[in-house]
Amino acid sequence: MTNHSPCQFDNEGFLLDHNSWTEALAKEIALSSGIVLNTDHWEIIHLAREYYAEFDLSPVNRTLVKYVKTKLGADKGNSIYLNSLFSGSPAKLASKIAGLPKPTNCL
């Protein structure tokens, strides 16, 4: 998937070591999912990484919505907004792009 040789991924494309994540790698992962990252995406990606650093877990959808709402307000902390950025399963896709493990309970 990438030119970043030290990076290894699981069979679903999640980075095995979140410490090897870079913003350049995030752009590649996003592009492979059909997403061109903009400022709004980066805001959520960095919040997902912040959540992981705080709780040692990747956020699931409901948790991500609540966390974003707490940090950025109700305009961005809702499922509709997050789904507009990361279609389908926002927490799963945001975590993948953020170099985090797959959230638990995500199919």
PDB file of N, CA and C in Angstrom:
ATOM      1  N   MET A   1       0.808  -1.195   0.000  1.00  0.00           N
ATOM      2  CA  MET A   1       0.000   0.000   0.000  1.00  0.00           C
ATOM      3  C   MET A   1       0.853   1.262   0.000  1.00  0.00           C
ATOM      4  N   THR A   2       2.040   1.177   0.539  1.00  0.00           N
ATOM      5  CA  THR A   2       2.806   2.393   0.786  1.00  0.00           C
ATOM      6  C   THR A   2       4.284   2.216   0.517  1.00  0.00           C
ATOM      7  N   ASN A   3       4.950   3.333   0.354  1.00  0.00           N
ATOM      8  CA  ASN A   3       6.401   3.338   0.199  1.00  0.00           C
ATOM      9  C   ASN A   3       7.109   3.401   1.544  1.00  0.00           C
ATOM     10  N   HIS A   4       6.352   3.449   2.624  1.00  0.00           N
ATOM     11  CA  HIS A   4       6.916   3.524   3.970  1.00  0.00           C
ATOM     12  C   HIS A   4       7.264   2.116   4.433  1.00  0.00           C
ATOM     13  N   SER A   5       8.467   1.676   4.134  1.00  0.00           N
ATOM     14  CA  SER A   5       8.862   0.286   4.339  1.00  0.00           C
ATOM     15  C   SER A   5       8.692  -0.240   5.765  1.00  0.00           C
ATOM     16  N   PRO A   6       8.906   0.555   6.841  1.00  0.00           N
ATOM     17  CA  PRO A   6       8.770  -0.039   8.164  1.00  0.00           C
ATOM     18  C   PRO A   6       7.314  -0.302   8.565  1.00  0.00           C
ATOM     19  N   CYS A   7       6.360   0.146   7.775  1.00  0.00           N
ATOM     20  CA  CYS A   7       4.954   0.009   8.127  1.00  0.00           C
ATOM     21  C   CYS A   7       4.413  -1.349   7.723  1.00  0.00           C
ATOM     22  N   GLN A   8       3.695  -1.953   8.650  1.00  0.00           N
ATOM     23  CA  GLN A   8       3.024  -3.209   8.378  1.00  0.00           C
ATOM     24  C   GLN A   8       1.550  -3.037   8.693  1.00  0.00           C
ATOM     25  N   PHE A   9       0.713  -3.703   7.896  1.00  0.00           N
ATOM     26  CA  PHE A   9      -0.727  -3.574   8.009  1.00  0.00           C
ATOM     27  C   PHE A   9      -1.356  -4.934   8.227  1.00  0.00           C
ATOM     28  N   ASP A  10      -2.528  -4.954   8.863  1.00  0.00           N
ATOM     29  CA  ASP A  10      -3.266  -6.204   8.985  1.00  0.00           C
ATOM     30  C   ASP A  10      -4.021  -6.457   7.677  1.00  0.00           C
ATOM     31  N   ASN A  11      -4.795  -7.517   7.627  1.00  0.00           N
ATOM     32  CA  ASN A  11      -5.475  -7.884   6.386  1.00  0.00           C
ATOM     33  C   ASN A  11      -6.593  -6.920   5.994  1.00  0.00           C
ATOM     34  N   GLU A  12      -6.990  -6.014   6.882  1.00  0.00           N
ATOM     35  CA  GLU A  12      -8.005  -5.009   6.568  1.00  0.00           C
ATOM     36  C   GLU A  12      -7.387  -3.633   6.294  1.00  0.00           C
ATOM     37  N   GLY A  13      -6.063  -3.558   6.336  1.00  0.00           N
ATOM     38  CA  GLY A  13      -5.389  -2.300   6.042  1.00  0.00           C
ATOM     39  C   GLY A  13      -5.146  -1.402   7.238  1.00  0.00           C
ATOM     40  N   PHE A  14      -5.324  -1.928   8.448  1.00  0.00           N
ATOM     41  CA  PHE A  14      -5.030  -1.145   9.649  1.00  0.00           C
ATOM     42  C   PHE A  14      -3.548  -1.275   9.981  1.00  0.00           C
ATOM     43  N   LEU A  15      -2.937  -0.167  10.312  1.00  0.00           N
ATOM     44  CA  LEU A  15      -1.526  -0.125  10.668  1.00  0.00           C
ATOM     45  C   LEU A  15      -1.300  -0.944  11.937  1.00  0.00           C
ATOM     46  N   LEU A  16      -0.302  -1.811  11.932  1.00  0.00           N
ATOM     47  CA  LEU A  16      -0.043  -2.659  13.091  1.00  0.00           C
ATOM     48  C   LEU A  16       0.641  -1.908  14.238  1.00  0.00           C
ATOM     49  N   ASP A  17       1.417  -0.896  13.921  1.00  0.00           N
ATOM     50  CA  ASP A  17       2.101  -0.099  14.951  1.00  0.00           C
ATOM     51  C   ASP A  17       1.723   1.366  14.777  1.00  0.00           C
ATOM     52  N   HIS A  18       0.833   1.848  15.653  1.00  0.00           N
ATOM     53  CA  HIS A  18       0.358   3.239  15.516  1.00  0.00           C
ATOM     54  C   HIS A  18       1.490   4.262  15.646  1.00  0.00           C
ATOM     55  N   ASN A  19       2.613   3.861  16.217  1.00  0.00           N
ATOM     56  CA  ASN A  19       3.742   4.794  16.356  1.00  0.00           C
ATOM     57  C   ASN A  19       4.472   5.039  15.041  1.00  0.00           C
ATOM     58  N   SER A  20       4.225   4.200  14.043  1.00  0.00           N
ATOM     59  CA  SER A  20       4.882   4.411  12.747  1.00  0.00           C
ATOM     60  C   SER A  20       4.044   5.288  11.815  1.00  0.00           C
ATOM     61  N   TRP A  21       2.936   5.789  12.315  1.00  0.00           N
ATOM     62  CA  TRP A  21       2.024   6.636  11.542  1.00  0.00           C
ATOM     63  C   TRP A  21       2.651   7.998  11.255  1.00  0.00           C
ATOM     64  N   THR A  22       2.398   8.504  10.071  1.00  0.00           N
ATOM     65  CA  THR A  22       2.769   9.871   9.699  1.00  0.00           C
ATOM     66  C   THR A  22       1.598  10.471   8.930  1.00  0.00           C
ATOM     67  N   GLU A  23       1.602  11.779   8.793  1.00  0.00           N
ATOM     68  CA  GLU A  23       0.551  12.422   8.010  1.00  0.00           C
ATOM     69  C   GLU A  23       0.648  12.018   6.539  1.00  0.00           C
ATOM     70  N   ALA A  24       1.856  11.807   6.035  1.00  0.00           N
ATOM     71  CA  ALA A  24       2.008  11.350   4.648  1.00  0.00           C
ATOM     72  C   ALA A  24       1.379   9.975   4.471  1.00  0.00           C
ATOM     73  N   LEU A  25       1.575   9.101   5.438  1.00  0.00           N
ATOM     74  CA  LEU A  25       0.971   7.779   5.390  1.00  0.00           C
ATOM     75  C   LEU A  25      -0.551   7.887   5.467  1.00  0.00           C
ATOM     76  N   ALA A  26      -1.048   8.778   6.298  1.00  0.00           N
ATOM     77  CA  ALA A  26      -2.494   8.982   6.411  1.00  0.00           C
ATOM     78  C   ALA A  26      -3.097   9.381   5.069  1.00  0.00           C
ATOM     79  N   LYS A  27      -2.392  10.240   4.338  1.00  0.00           N
ATOM     80  CA  LYS A  27      -2.878  10.661   3.021  1.00  0.00           C
ATOM     81  C   LYS A  27      -2.980   9.466   2.081  1.00  0.00           C
ATOM     82  N   GLU A  28      -1.996   8.571   2.132  1.00  0.00           N
ATOM     83  CA  GLU A  28      -2.010   7.379   1.286  1.00  0.00           C
ATOM     84  C   GLU A  28      -3.153   6.440   1.667  1.00  0.00           C
ATOM     85  N   ILE A  29      -3.348   6.232   2.958  1.00  0.00           N
ATOM     86  CA  ILE A  29      -4.427   5.362   3.427  1.00  0.00           C
ATOM     87  C   ILE A  29      -5.773   5.949   3.012  1.00  0.00           C
ATOM     88  N   ALA A  30      -5.925   7.256   3.183  1.00  0.00           N
ATOM     89  CA  ALA A  30      -7.173   7.924   2.806  1.00  0.00           C
ATOM     90  C   ALA A  30      -7.437   7.784   1.312  1.00  0.00           C
ATOM     91  N   LEU A  31      -6.420   8.032   0.507  1.00  0.00           N
ATOM     92  CA  LEU A  31      -6.584   7.921  -0.942  1.00  0.00           C
ATOM     93  C   LEU A  31      -6.996   6.510  -1.349  1.00  0.00           C
ATOM     94  N   SER A  32      -6.453   5.512  -0.671  1.00  0.00           N
ATOM     95  CA  SER A  32      -6.829   4.129  -0.989  1.00  0.00           C
ATOM     96  C   SER A  32      -8.295   3.854  -0.636  1.00  0.00           C
ATOM     97  N   SER A  33      -8.877   4.721   0.204  1.00  0.00           N
ATOM     98  CA  SER A  33     -10.293   4.618   0.564  1.00  0.00           C
ATOM     99  C   SER A  33     -11.142   5.629  -0.199  1.00  0.00           C
ATOM    100  N   GLY A  34     -10.522   6.320  -1.151  1.00  0.00           N
ATOM    101  CA  GLY A  34     -11.252   7.282  -1.965  1.00  0.00           C
ATOM    102  C   GLY A  34     -11.477   8.627  -1.315  1.00  0.00           C
ATOM    103  N   ILE A  35     -10.648   8.978  -0.349  1.00  0.00           N
ATOM    104  CA  ILE A  35     -10.810  10.240   0.378  1.00  0.00           C
ATOM    105  C   ILE A  35      -9.590  11.126   0.162  1.00  0.00           C
ATOM    106  N   VAL A  36      -9.841  12.371  -0.203  1.00  0.00           N
ATOM    107  CA  VAL A  36      -8.793  13.385  -0.248  1.00  0.00           C
ATOM    108  C   VAL A  36      -8.978  14.216   1.018  1.00  0.00           C
ATOM    109  N   LEU A  37      -7.984  14.167   1.877  1.00  0.00           N
ATOM    110  CA  LEU A  37      -8.102  14.811   3.182  1.00  0.00           C
ATOM    111  C   LEU A  37      -8.090  16.332   3.081  1.00  0.00           C
ATOM    112  N   ASN A  38      -8.984  16.943   3.866  1.00  0.00           N
ATOM    113  CA  ASN A  38      -8.990  18.396   3.999  1.00  0.00           C
ATOM    114  C   ASN A  38      -8.901  18.745   5.487  1.00  0.00           C
ATOM    115  N   THR A  39      -8.996  19.995   5.811  1.00  0.00           N
ATOM    116  CA  THR A  39      -8.853  20.463   7.193  1.00  0.00           C
ATOM    117  C   THR A  39      -9.843  19.786   8.136  1.00  0.00           C
ATOM    118  N   ASP A  40     -11.072  19.594   7.680  1.00  0.00           N
ATOM    119  CA  ASP A  40     -12.086  18.954   8.526  1.00  0.00           C
ATOM    120  C   ASP A  40     -11.719  17.504   8.836  1.00  0.00           C
ATOM    121  N   HIS A  41     -11.207  16.790   7.850  1.00  0.00           N
ATOM    122  CA  HIS A  41     -10.761  15.413   8.079  1.00  0.00           C
ATOM    123  C   HIS A  41      -9.626  15.383   9.104  1.00  0.00           C
ATOM    124  N   TRP A  42      -8.641  16.256   8.913  1.00  0.00           N
ATOM    125  CA  TRP A  42      -7.483  16.269   9.807  1.00  0.00           C
ATOM    126  C   TRP A  42      -7.899  16.541  11.245  1.00  0.00           C
ATOM    127  N   GLU A  43      -8.868  17.397  11.421  1.00  0.00           N
ATOM    128  CA  GLU A  43      -9.351  17.724  12.765  1.00  0.00           C
ATOM    129  C   GLU A  43      -9.854  16.459  13.463  1.00  0.00           C
ATOM    130  N   ILE A  44     -10.617  15.645  12.752  1.00  0.00           N
ATOM    131  CA  ILE A  44     -11.163  14.413  13.330  1.00  0.00           C
ATOM    132  C   ILE A  44     -10.069  13.354  13.489  1.00  0.00           C
ATOM    133  N   ILE A  45      -9.179  13.257  12.527  1.00  0.00           N
ATOM    134  CA  ILE A  45      -8.072  12.300  12.614  1.00  0.00           C
ATOM    135  C   ILE A  45      -7.218  12.575  13.852  1.00  0.00           C
ATOM    136  N   HIS A  46      -6.901  13.838  14.070  1.00  0.00           N
ATOM    137  CA  HIS A  46      -6.084  14.180  15.237  1.00  0.00           C
ATOM    138  C   HIS A  46      -6.848  13.946  16.538  1.00  0.00           C
ATOM    139  N   LEU A  47      -8.163  14.179  16.519  1.00  0.00           N
ATOM    140  CA  LEU A  47      -8.953  13.885  17.716  1.00  0.00           C
ATOM    141  C   LEU A  47      -9.007  12.382  17.983  1.00  0.00           C
ATOM    142  N   ALA A  48      -9.103  11.574  16.936  1.00  0.00           N
ATOM    143  CA  ALA A  48      -9.096  10.120  17.122  1.00  0.00           C
ATOM    144  C   ALA A  48      -7.772   9.683  17.751  1.00  0.00           C
ATOM    145  N   ARG A  49      -6.678  10.260  17.282  1.00  0.00           N
ATOM    146  CA  ARG A  49      -5.368   9.925  17.858  1.00  0.00           C
ATOM    147  C   ARG A  49      -5.265  10.416  19.300  1.00  0.00           C
ATOM    148  N   GLU A  50      -5.836  11.570  19.576  1.00  0.00           N
ATOM    149  CA  GLU A  50      -5.859  12.100  20.948  1.00  0.00           C
ATOM    150  C   GLU A  50      -6.672  11.165  21.852  1.00  0.00           C
ATOM    151  N   TYR A  51      -7.809  10.716  21.360  1.00  0.00           N
ATOM    152  CA  TYR A  51      -8.645   9.788  22.121  1.00  0.00           C
ATOM    153  C   TYR A  51      -7.857   8.508  22.431  1.00  0.00           C
ATOM    154  N   TYR A  52      -7.180   7.977  21.418  1.00  0.00           N
ATOM    155  CA  TYR A  52      -6.400   6.759  21.610  1.00  0.00           C
ATOM    156  C   TYR A  52      -5.299   6.982  22.666  1.00  0.00           C
ATOM    157  N   ALA A  53      -4.639   8.114  22.594  1.00  0.00           N
ATOM    158  CA  ALA A  53      -3.579   8.414  23.564  1.00  0.00           C
ATOM    159  C   ALA A  53      -4.143   8.506  24.984  1.00  0.00           C
ATOM    160  N   GLU A  54      -5.353   9.008  25.094  1.00  0.00           N
ATOM    161  CA  GLU A  54      -5.968   9.181  26.411  1.00  0.00           C
ATOM    162  C   GLU A  54      -6.527   7.871  26.975  1.00  0.00           C
ATOM    163  N   PHE A  55      -7.159   7.061  26.131  1.00  0.00           N
ATOM    164  CA  PHE A  55      -7.879   5.882  26.610  1.00  0.00           C
ATOM    165  C   PHE A  55      -7.274   4.539  26.176  1.00  0.00           C
ATOM    166  N   ASP A  56      -6.246   4.562  25.341  1.00  0.00           N
ATOM    167  CA  ASP A  56      -5.595   3.351  24.837  1.00  0.00           C
ATOM    168  C   ASP A  56      -6.582   2.440  24.099  1.00  0.00           C
ATOM    169  N   LEU A  57      -7.546   3.067  23.435  1.00  0.00           N
ATOM    170  CA  LEU A  57      -8.545   2.378  22.624  1.00  0.00           C
ATOM    171  C   LEU A  57      -8.874   3.252  21.430  1.00  0.00           C
ATOM    172  N   SER A  58      -9.195   2.625  20.321  1.00  0.00           N
ATOM    173  CA  SER A  58      -9.734   3.375  19.195  1.00  0.00           C
ATOM    174  C   SER A  58     -11.211   3.626  19.480  1.00  0.00           C
ATOM    175  N   PRO A  59     -11.704   4.820  19.178  1.00  0.00           N
ATOM    176  CA  PRO A  59     -13.109   5.109  19.488  1.00  0.00           C
ATOM    177  C   PRO A  59     -14.070   4.376  18.558  1.00  0.00           C
ATOM    178  N   VAL A  60     -15.179   3.898  19.105  1.00  0.00           N
ATOM    179  CA  VAL A  60     -16.273   3.374  18.296  1.00  0.00           C
ATOM    180  C   VAL A  60     -17.146   4.563  17.908  1.00  0.00           C
ATOM    181  N   ASN A  61     -18.102   4.361  17.011  1.00  0.00           N
ATOM    182  CA  ASN A  61     -18.864   5.484  16.478  1.00  0.00           C
ATOM    183  C   ASN A  61     -19.496   6.367  17.553  1.00  0.00           C
ATOM    184  N   ARG A  62     -20.242   5.778  18.450  1.00  0.00           N
ATOM    185  CA  ARG A  62     -20.934   6.574  19.472  1.00  0.00           C
ATOM    186  C   ARG A  62     -19.931   7.361  20.328  1.00  0.00           C
ATOM    187  N   THR A  63     -18.845   6.715  20.688  1.00  0.00           N
ATOM    188  CA  THR A  63     -17.820   7.371  21.500  1.00  0.00           C
ATOM    189  C   THR A  63     -17.146   8.502  20.733  1.00  0.00           C
ATOM    190  N   LEU A  64     -16.868   8.279  19.450  1.00  0.00           N
ATOM    191  CA  LEU A  64     -16.254   9.319  18.633  1.00  0.00           C
ATOM    192  C   LEU A  64     -17.172  10.531  18.532  1.00  0.00           C
ATOM    193  N   VAL A  65     -18.461  10.296  18.321  1.00  0.00           N
ATOM    194  CA  VAL A  65     -19.420  11.406  18.247  1.00  0.00           C
ATOM    195  C   VAL A  65     -19.385  12.218  19.540  1.00  0.00           C
ATOM    196  N   LYS A  66     -19.444  11.539  20.667  1.00  0.00           N
ATOM    197  CA  LYS A  66     -19.429  12.232  21.962  1.00  0.00           C
ATOM    198  C   LYS A  66     -18.120  12.995  22.177  1.00  0.00           C
ATOM    199  N   TYR A  67     -17.007  12.368  21.812  1.00  0.00           N
ATOM    200  CA  TYR A  67     -15.700  13.003  22.007  1.00  0.00           C
ATOM    201  C   TYR A  67     -15.577  14.250  21.136  1.00  0.00           C
ATOM    202  N   VAL A  68     -15.985  14.131  19.884  1.00  0.00           N
ATOM    203  CA  VAL A  68     -15.931  15.282  18.971  1.00  0.00           C
ATOM    204  C   VAL A  68     -16.854  16.382  19.475  1.00  0.00           C
ATOM    205  N   LYS A  69     -18.022  16.009  19.943  1.00  0.00           N
ATOM    206  CA  LYS A  69     -18.972  17.005  20.474  1.00  0.00           C
ATOM    207  C   LYS A  69     -18.370  17.747  21.661  1.00  0.00           C
ATOM    208  N   THR A  70     -17.699  17.023  22.541  1.00  0.00           N
ATOM    209  CA  THR A  70     -17.064  17.640  23.711  1.00  0.00           C
ATOM    210  C   THR A  70     -15.944  18.597  23.291  1.00  0.00           C
ATOM    211  N   LYS A  71     -15.159  18.178  22.310  1.00  0.00           N
ATOM    212  CA  LYS A  71     -13.987  18.967  21.906  1.00  0.00           C
ATOM    213  C   LYS A  71     -14.307  20.075  20.905  1.00  0.00           C
ATOM    214  N   LEU A  72     -15.267  19.834  19.994  1.00  0.00           N
ATOM    215  CA  LEU A  72     -15.498  20.765  18.885  1.00  0.00           C
ATOM    216  C   LEU A  72     -16.909  21.337  18.825  1.00  0.00           C
ATOM    217  N   GLY A  73     -17.802  20.838  19.681  1.00  0.00           N
ATOM    218  CA  GLY A  73     -19.169  21.350  19.695  1.00  0.00           C
ATOM    219  C   GLY A  73     -20.140  20.486  18.909  1.00  0.00           C
ATOM    220  N   ALA A  74     -21.423  20.804  19.076  1.00  0.00           N
ATOM    221  CA  ALA A  74     -22.498  20.001  18.489  1.00  0.00           C
ATOM    222  C   ALA A  74     -22.519  20.038  16.962  1.00  0.00           C
ATOM    223  N   ASP A  75     -22.043  21.114  16.358  1.00  0.00           N
ATOM    224  CA  ASP A  75     -22.051  21.203  14.890  1.00  0.00           C
ATOM    225  C   ASP A  75     -21.206  20.103  14.254  1.00  0.00           C
ATOM    226  N   LYS A  76     -20.144  19.712  14.913  1.00  0.00           N
ATOM    227  CA  LYS A  76     -19.259  18.679  14.376  1.00  0.00           C
ATOM    228  C   LYS A  76     -19.406  17.358  15.130  1.00  0.00           C
ATOM    229  N   GLY A  77     -19.908  17.408  16.326  1.00  0.00           N
ATOM    230  CA  GLY A  77     -20.071  16.205  17.139  1.00  0.00           C
ATOM    231  C   GLY A  77     -21.408  15.554  16.914  1.00  0.00           C
ATOM    232  N   ASN A  78     -21.633  15.106  15.676  1.00  0.00           N
ATOM    233  CA  ASN A  78     -22.873  14.386  15.362  1.00  0.00           C
ATOM    234  C   ASN A  78     -22.587  13.395  14.233  1.00  0.00           C
ATOM    235  N   SER A  79     -23.410  12.388  14.169  1.00  0.00           N
ATOM    236  CA  SER A  79     -23.197  11.306  13.201  1.00  0.00           C
ATOM    237  C   SER A  79     -23.267  11.778  11.757  1.00  0.00           C
ATOM    238  N   ILE A  80     -24.160  12.706  11.463  1.00  0.00           N
ATOM    239  CA  ILE A  80     -24.320  13.181  10.088  1.00  0.00           C
ATOM    240  C   ILE A  80     -23.038  13.856   9.607  1.00  0.00           C
ATOM    241  N   TYR A  81     -22.470  14.720  10.428  1.00  0.00           N
ATOM    242  CA  TYR A  81     -21.233  15.412  10.055  1.00  0.00           C
ATOM    243  C   TYR A  81     -20.092  14.411   9.863  1.00  0.00           C
ATOM    244  N   LEU A  82     -19.922  13.515  10.821  1.00  0.00           N
ATOM    245  CA  LEU A  82     -18.821  12.554  10.739  1.00  0.00           C
ATOM    246  C   LEU A  82     -18.986  11.623   9.543  1.00  0.00           C
ATOM    247  N   ASN A  83     -20.215  11.240   9.259  1.00  0.00           N
ATOM    248  CA  ASN A  83     -20.461  10.372   8.106  1.00  0.00           C
ATOM    249  C   ASN A  83     -20.213  11.108   6.791  1.00  0.00           C
ATOM    250  N   SER A  84     -20.372  12.430   6.791  1.00  0.00           N
ATOM    251  CA  SER A  84     -20.087  13.191   5.573  1.00  0.00           C
ATOM    252  C   SER A  84     -18.585  13.206   5.266  1.00  0.00           C
ATOM    253  N   LEU A  85     -17.775  13.054   6.299  1.00  0.00           N
ATOM    254  CA  LEU A  85     -16.319  13.026   6.119  1.00  0.00           C
ATOM    255  C   LEU A  85     -15.798  11.609   5.899  1.00  0.00           C
ATOM    256  N   PHE A  86     -16.340  10.670   6.674  1.00  0.00           N
ATOM    257  CA  PHE A  86     -15.877   9.283   6.664  1.00  0.00           C
ATOM    258  C   PHE A  86     -17.102   8.393   6.464  1.00  0.00           C
ATOM    259  N   SER A  87     -17.510   8.244   5.241  1.00  0.00           N
ATOM    260  CA  SER A  87     -18.753   7.566   4.889  1.00  0.00           C
ATOM    261  C   SER A  87     -18.763   6.099   5.316  1.00  0.00           C
ATOM    262  N   GLY A  88     -19.904   5.680   5.820  1.00  0.00           N
ATOM    263  CA  GLY A  88     -20.083   4.286   6.211  1.00  0.00           C
ATOM    264  C   GLY A  88     -19.939   4.104   7.703  1.00  0.00           C
ATOM    265  N   SER A  89     -18.737   3.904   8.147  1.00  0.00           N
ATOM    266  CA  SER A  89     -18.427   3.736   9.565  1.00  0.00           C
ATOM    267  C   SER A  89     -17.347   4.760   9.932  1.00  0.00           C
ATOM    268  N   PRO A  90     -17.755   5.965  10.342  1.00  0.00           N
ATOM    269  CA  PRO A  90     -16.782   7.032  10.587  1.00  0.00           C
ATOM    270  C   PRO A  90     -15.656   6.661  11.554  1.00  0.00           C
ATOM    271  N   ALA A  91     -15.989   6.005  12.655  1.00  0.00           N
ATOM    272  CA  ALA A  91     -14.948   5.665  13.632  1.00  0.00           C
ATOM    273  C   ALA A  91     -13.938   4.679  13.049  1.00  0.00           C
ATOM    274  N   LYS A  92     -14.444   3.710  12.319  1.00  0.00           N
ATOM    275  CA  LYS A  92     -13.558   2.702  11.730  1.00  0.00           C
ATOM    276  C   LYS A  92     -12.635   3.336  10.693  1.00  0.00           C
ATOM    277  N   LEU A  93     -13.191   4.134   9.801  1.00  0.00           N
ATOM    278  CA  LEU A  93     -12.401   4.741   8.739  1.00  0.00           C
ATOM    279  C   LEU A  93     -11.446   5.809   9.290  1.00  0.00           C
ATOM    280  N   ALA A  94     -11.926   6.627  10.223  1.00  0.00           N
ATOM    281  CA  ALA A  94     -11.052   7.642  10.830  1.00  0.00           C
ATOM    282  C   ALA A  94      -9.900   6.978  11.579  1.00  0.00           C
ATOM    283  N   SER A  95     -10.197   5.899  12.287  1.00  0.00           N
ATOM    284  CA  SER A  95      -9.140   5.178  13.015  1.00  0.00           C
ATOM    285  C   SER A  95      -8.127   4.582  12.052  1.00  0.00           C
ATOM    286  N   LYS A  96      -8.607   4.031  10.964  1.00  0.00           N
ATOM    287  CA  LYS A  96      -7.714   3.439   9.965  1.00  0.00           C
ATOM    288  C   LYS A  96      -6.766   4.497   9.404  1.00  0.00           C
ATOM    289  N   ILE A  97      -7.320   5.636   9.016  1.00  0.00           N
ATOM    290  CA  ILE A  97      -6.505   6.713   8.456  1.00  0.00           C
ATOM    291  C   ILE A  97      -5.571   7.296   9.512  1.00  0.00           C
ATOM    292  N   ALA A  98      -6.025   7.306  10.769  1.00  0.00           N
ATOM    293  CA  ALA A  98      -5.218   7.827  11.871  1.00  0.00           C
ATOM    294  C   ALA A  98      -4.146   6.845  12.331  1.00  0.00           C
ATOM    295  N   GLY A  99      -4.089   5.677  11.700  1.00  0.00           N
ATOM    296  CA  GLY A  99      -3.064   4.691  12.048  1.00  0.00           C
ATOM    297  C   GLY A  99      -3.335   3.931  13.326  1.00  0.00           C
ATOM    298  N   LEU A 100      -4.593   3.904  13.746  1.00  0.00           N
ATOM    299  CA  LEU A 100      -4.964   3.256  14.998  1.00  0.00           C
ATOM    300  C   LEU A 100      -5.502   1.852  14.740  1.00  0.00           C
ATOM    301  N   PRO A 101      -5.561   1.020  15.794  1.00  0.00           N
ATOM    302  CA  PRO A 101      -6.148  -0.297  15.625  1.00  0.00           C
ATOM    303  C   PRO A 101      -7.630  -0.191  15.276  1.00  0.00           C
ATOM    304  N   LYS A 102      -8.145  -1.233  14.682  1.00  0.00           N
ATOM    305  CA  LYS A 102      -9.574  -1.283  14.363  1.00  0.00           C
ATOM    306  C   LYS A 102     -10.374  -1.192  15.660  1.00  0.00           C
ATOM    307  N   PRO A 103     -11.380  -0.291  15.706  1.00  0.00           N
ATOM    308  CA  PRO A 103     -12.204  -0.199  16.919  1.00  0.00           C
ATOM    309  C   PRO A 103     -12.905  -1.519  17.201  1.00  0.00           C
ATOM    310  N   THR A 104     -13.095  -1.823  18.451  1.00  0.00           N
ATOM    311  CA  THR A 104     -13.817  -3.028  18.817  1.00  0.00           C
ATOM    312  C   THR A 104     -15.272  -2.901  18.365  1.00  0.00           C
ATOM    313  N   ASN A 105     -15.904  -4.000  18.085  1.00  0.00           N
ATOM    314  CA  ASN A 105     -17.304  -4.055  17.649  1.00  0.00           C
ATOM    315  C   ASN A 105     -17.544  -3.448  16.273  1.00  0.00           C
ATOM    316  N   CYS A 106     -16.509  -3.187  15.493  1.00  0.00           N
ATOM    317  CA  CYS A 106     -16.688  -2.707  14.124  1.00  0.00           C
ATOM    318  C   CYS A 106     -16.552  -3.873  13.172  1.00  0.00           C
ATOM    319  N   LEU A 107     -17.518  -3.984  12.283  1.00  0.00           N
ATOM    320  CA  LEU A 107     -17.475  -5.061  11.299  1.00  0.00           C
ATOM    321  C   LEU A 107     -16.580  -4.700  10.147  1.00  0.00           C
TER     322      LEU A 107
END
